[in-house]
Amino acid sequence: MTTPYEDVDGNKPGHYFVEIQLRTIAMDSWASLEHEMKYKHHLKDPERIGRELKRCAEQLASCDVEMQTIRQLIHEND
């Protein structure tokens, strides 16, 4: 990436290697909820919330596998 600005250490503008992370809406929601769960210590039932998050993660993983299968079926004759 090329930037016209100095970096946080005051280095001159130039070419820098960067890491760009992309995530789905579901992944963003997961991260937000997990963050809230870790830093809000006044939760009424953290064990249940943890179980629900785990259940959602399992469903998302299953959906991901199903989507990969569908993609393979679509492209198997390419």
Protein backbone atom coordinates (compact mmCIF):
# COMPACT_ATOMS: atom_id res chain seq x y z
CA MET A 1 0.00 0.00 0.00
CA THR A 2 1.25 3.49 -0.73
CA THR A 3 0.37 6.27 1.65
CA PRO A 4 0.91 10.03 1.38
CA TYR A 5 1.00 10.31 5.18
CA GLU A 6 3.56 9.61 7.87
CA ASP A 7 2.98 6.46 9.88
CA VAL A 8 2.37 6.41 13.64
CA ASP A 9 6.12 6.39 14.29
CA GLY A 10 6.68 9.50 12.15
CA ASN A 11 8.21 7.62 9.21
CA LYS A 12 7.93 9.33 5.85
CA PRO A 13 5.22 8.47 3.32
CA GLY A 14 5.97 5.44 1.22
CA HIS A 15 5.15 1.84 0.50
CA TYR A 16 4.04 -0.27 3.44
CA PHE A 17 2.90 -3.84 3.79
CA VAL A 18 -0.51 -4.01 5.40
CA GLU A 19 -2.90 -6.70 6.51
CA ILE A 20 -6.52 -6.24 5.54
CA GLN A 21 -9.08 -8.34 7.35
CA LEU A 22 -12.51 -8.91 5.87
CA ARG A 23 -15.38 -10.49 7.71
CA THR A 24 -19.01 -11.22 7.10
CA ILE A 25 -21.87 -9.57 8.96
CA ALA A 26 -22.26 -12.77 10.97
CA MET A 27 -18.58 -12.74 11.91
CA ASP A 28 -18.80 -9.07 12.90
CA SER A 29 -21.86 -9.73 15.05
CA TRP A 30 -20.09 -12.68 16.67
CA ALA A 31 -17.03 -10.58 17.48
CA SER A 32 -19.15 -7.77 18.95
CA LEU A 33 -21.15 -10.13 21.14
CA GLU A 34 -18.06 -12.00 22.28
CA HIS A 35 -16.39 -8.69 23.17
CA GLU A 36 -19.41 -7.60 25.19
CA MET A 37 -19.48 -10.93 26.98
CA LYS A 38 -15.81 -10.71 27.96
CA TYR A 39 -15.88 -7.14 29.21
CA LYS A 40 -19.32 -6.82 30.77
CA HIS A 41 -19.01 -8.63 34.06
CA HIS A 42 -22.57 -7.99 35.20
CA LEU A 43 -24.18 -10.53 32.87
CA LYS A 44 -27.09 -12.40 34.42
CA ASP A 45 -26.36 -15.78 32.81
CA PRO A 46 -22.91 -15.87 31.14
CA GLU A 47 -22.95 -19.68 30.87
CA ARG A 48 -26.15 -19.62 28.83
CA ILE A 49 -24.82 -16.82 26.64
CA GLY A 50 -21.67 -18.88 26.07
CA ARG A 51 -23.75 -21.93 25.12
CA GLU A 52 -25.85 -19.86 22.70
CA LEU A 53 -22.73 -18.39 21.08
CA LYS A 54 -21.28 -21.89 20.72
CA ARG A 55 -24.53 -23.13 19.17
CA CYS A 56 -24.50 -20.24 16.69
CA ALA A 57 -20.86 -20.94 15.83
CA GLU A 58 -21.71 -24.57 15.11
CA GLN A 59 -24.62 -23.54 12.88
CA LEU A 60 -22.43 -21.06 10.99
CA ALA A 61 -19.75 -23.71 10.50
CA SER A 62 -22.37 -26.14 9.21
CA CYS A 63 -23.76 -23.52 6.85
CA ASP A 64 -20.24 -22.81 5.58
CA VAL A 65 -19.74 -26.51 4.75
CA GLU A 66 -23.11 -26.61 2.98
CA MET A 67 -22.25 -23.52 0.93
CA GLN A 68 -18.92 -25.08 -0.07
CA THR A 69 -20.77 -28.22 -1.18
CA ILE A 70 -23.17 -26.15 -3.27
CA ARG A 71 -20.25 -24.26 -4.83
CA GLN A 72 -18.56 -27.56 -5.72
CA LEU A 73 -21.77 -28.89 -7.28
CA ILE A 74 -22.13 -25.76 -9.39
CA HIS A 75 -18.52 -25.91 -10.59
CA GLU A 76 -18.04 -29.67 -10.92
CA ASN A 77 -18.50 -29.56 -14.70
CA ASP A 78 -16.27 -26.52 -15.32
